[in-house]
Amino acid sequence: MCKKTNETRLERIQEIASKQIGSVRSVSLKLKGVLWICTLKMQLGEHFEQIAVSDEDPTEAVRGTKNRLKKIIKRYGAV
């Protein structure tokens, strides 16, 4: 079993979002000051949606974005 990296987690977020929503513009992880910010940008028809989670640990920021995306999909069926 291979060890998960933030890169594979970001790819998985993009896969989930594109499968459930359709149009994914970008998934990114950036360091701003002392916080890591993981951002998922999507376009649903005319509307532009963004999910962003910040944390001091980059892995937790990525996990938080994935969990928030899953929660939104479960609750609403789409963004």
C-alpha atoms as a PDB file:
ATOM      1  CA  MET A   1       0.000   0.000   0.000  1.00  0.00           C
ATOM      2  CA  CYS A   2       1.417   3.362  -1.010  1.00  0.00           C
ATOM      3  CA  LYS A   3       1.510   6.295   1.337  1.00  0.00           C
ATOM      4  CA  LYS A   4      -0.946   9.095   0.548  1.00  0.00           C
ATOM      5  CA  THR A   5       0.526  12.460  -0.323  1.00  0.00           C
ATOM      6  CA  ASN A   6      -1.141  15.839  -0.577  1.00  0.00           C
ATOM      7  CA  GLU A   7      -0.781  15.603  -4.352  1.00  0.00           C
ATOM      8  CA  THR A   8      -2.790  12.368  -4.486  1.00  0.00           C
ATOM      9  CA  ARG A   9      -5.366  13.883  -2.122  1.00  0.00           C
ATOM     10  CA  LEU A  10      -5.753  16.918  -4.401  1.00  0.00           C
ATOM     11  CA  GLU A  11      -6.198  14.608  -7.404  1.00  0.00           C
ATOM     12  CA  ARG A  12      -8.880  12.686  -5.507  1.00  0.00           C
ATOM     13  CA  ILE A  13     -10.718  15.923  -4.653  1.00  0.00           C
ATOM     14  CA  GLN A  14     -10.657  16.882  -8.330  1.00  0.00           C
ATOM     15  CA  GLU A  15     -11.925  13.423  -9.314  1.00  0.00           C
ATOM     16  CA  ILE A  16     -14.825  13.529  -6.826  1.00  0.00           C
ATOM     17  CA  ALA A  17     -15.810  17.071  -7.826  1.00  0.00           C
ATOM     18  CA  SER A  18     -15.659  16.413 -11.567  1.00  0.00           C
ATOM     19  CA  LYS A  19     -17.684  13.212 -11.181  1.00  0.00           C
ATOM     20  CA  GLN A  20     -20.413  14.849  -9.049  1.00  0.00           C
ATOM     21  CA  ILE A  21     -20.433  18.443 -10.305  1.00  0.00           C
ATOM     22  CA  GLY A  22     -18.881  18.387 -13.741  1.00  0.00           C
ATOM     23  CA  SER A  23     -16.715  21.442 -14.296  1.00  0.00           C
ATOM     24  CA  VAL A  24     -13.675  21.807 -12.029  1.00  0.00           C
ATOM     25  CA  ARG A  25     -11.476  24.811 -12.718  1.00  0.00           C
ATOM     26  CA  SER A  26      -8.711  24.134 -10.211  1.00  0.00           C
ATOM     27  CA  VAL A  27      -7.675  22.529  -6.946  1.00  0.00           C
ATOM     28  CA  SER A  28      -4.764  24.252  -5.251  1.00  0.00           C
ATOM     29  CA  LEU A  29      -2.768  24.316  -2.040  1.00  0.00           C
ATOM     30  CA  LYS A  30      -1.005  27.568  -1.152  1.00  0.00           C
ATOM     31  CA  LEU A  31       0.933  28.904   1.809  1.00  0.00           C
ATOM     32  CA  LYS A  32      -0.226  32.377   2.869  1.00  0.00           C
ATOM     33  CA  GLY A  33       1.620  33.658   5.903  1.00  0.00           C
ATOM     34  CA  VAL A  34       1.590  30.800   8.402  1.00  0.00           C
ATOM     35  CA  LEU A  35      -1.585  29.139   7.077  1.00  0.00           C
ATOM     36  CA  TRP A  36      -2.003  26.636   4.258  1.00  0.00           C
ATOM     37  CA  ILE A  37      -5.103  27.258   2.141  1.00  0.00           C
ATOM     38  CA  CYS A  38      -6.627  24.507   0.038  1.00  0.00           C
ATOM     39  CA  THR A  39      -9.047  25.861  -2.569  1.00  0.00           C
ATOM     40  CA  LEU A  40     -11.434  24.060  -4.926  1.00  0.00           C
ATOM     41  CA  LYS A  41     -12.880  26.203  -7.726  1.00  0.00           C
ATOM     42  CA  MET A  42     -15.839  24.899  -9.737  1.00  0.00           C
ATOM     43  CA  GLN A  43     -18.247  26.242 -12.318  1.00  0.00           C
ATOM     44  CA  LEU A  44     -21.830  25.006 -12.272  1.00  0.00           C
ATOM     45  CA  GLY A  45     -23.639  26.466 -15.268  1.00  0.00           C
ATOM     46  CA  GLU A  46     -23.458  30.237 -14.920  1.00  0.00           C
ATOM     47  CA  HIS A  47     -22.509  30.098 -11.249  1.00  0.00           C
ATOM     48  CA  PHE A  48     -18.956  29.995  -9.936  1.00  0.00           C
ATOM     49  CA  GLU A  49     -18.441  28.202  -6.627  1.00  0.00           C
ATOM     50  CA  GLN A  50     -15.402  28.001  -4.378  1.00  0.00           C
ATOM     51  CA  ILE A  51     -14.598  25.897  -1.317  1.00  0.00           C
ATOM     52  CA  ALA A  52     -11.596  26.943   0.761  1.00  0.00           C
ATOM     53  CA  VAL A  53     -10.205  25.542   4.013  1.00  0.00           C
ATOM     54  CA  SER A  54      -7.202  26.937   5.895  1.00  0.00           C
ATOM     55  CA  ASP A  55      -5.059  25.241   8.527  1.00  0.00           C
ATOM     56  CA  GLU A  56      -1.521  25.389   9.880  1.00  0.00           C
ATOM     57  CA  ASP A  57      -0.944  21.837   8.580  1.00  0.00           C
ATOM     58  CA  PRO A  58      -1.220  21.389   4.788  1.00  0.00           C
ATOM     59  CA  THR A  59      -2.562  17.839   5.096  1.00  0.00           C
ATOM     60  CA  GLU A  60      -5.377  18.970   7.392  1.00  0.00           C
ATOM     61  CA  ALA A  61      -6.302  21.768   4.971  1.00  0.00           C
ATOM     62  CA  VAL A  62      -6.592  19.254   2.116  1.00  0.00           C
ATOM     63  CA  ARG A  63      -8.562  16.792   4.248  1.00  0.00           C
ATOM     64  CA  GLY A  64     -10.889  19.569   5.377  1.00  0.00           C
ATOM     65  CA  THR A  65     -11.622  20.556   1.771  1.00  0.00           C
ATOM     66  CA  LYS A  66     -12.395  16.956   0.833  1.00  0.00           C
ATOM     67  CA  ASN A  67     -14.653  16.500   3.861  1.00  0.00           C
ATOM     68  CA  ARG A  68     -16.507  19.747   3.155  1.00  0.00           C
ATOM     69  CA  LEU A  69     -17.006  18.738  -0.499  1.00  0.00           C
ATOM     70  CA  LYS A  70     -18.358  15.329   0.519  1.00  0.00           C
ATOM     71  CA  LYS A  71     -20.693  16.923   3.079  1.00  0.00           C
ATOM     72  CA  ILE A  72     -22.081  19.352   0.472  1.00  0.00           C
ATOM     73  CA  ILE A  73     -22.589  16.572  -2.082  1.00  0.00           C
ATOM     74  CA  LYS A  74     -24.314  14.399   0.501  1.00  0.00           C
ATOM     75  CA  ARG A  75     -26.585  17.209   1.701  1.00  0.00           C
ATOM     76  CA  TYR A  76     -27.530  18.835  -1.596  1.00  0.00           C
ATOM     77  CA  GLY A  77     -26.631  16.295  -4.242  1.00  0.00           C
ATOM     78  CA  ALA A  78     -24.469  18.959  -5.915  1.00  0.00           C
ATOM     79  CA  VAL A  79     -22.977  22.350  -5.179  1.00  0.00           C
END
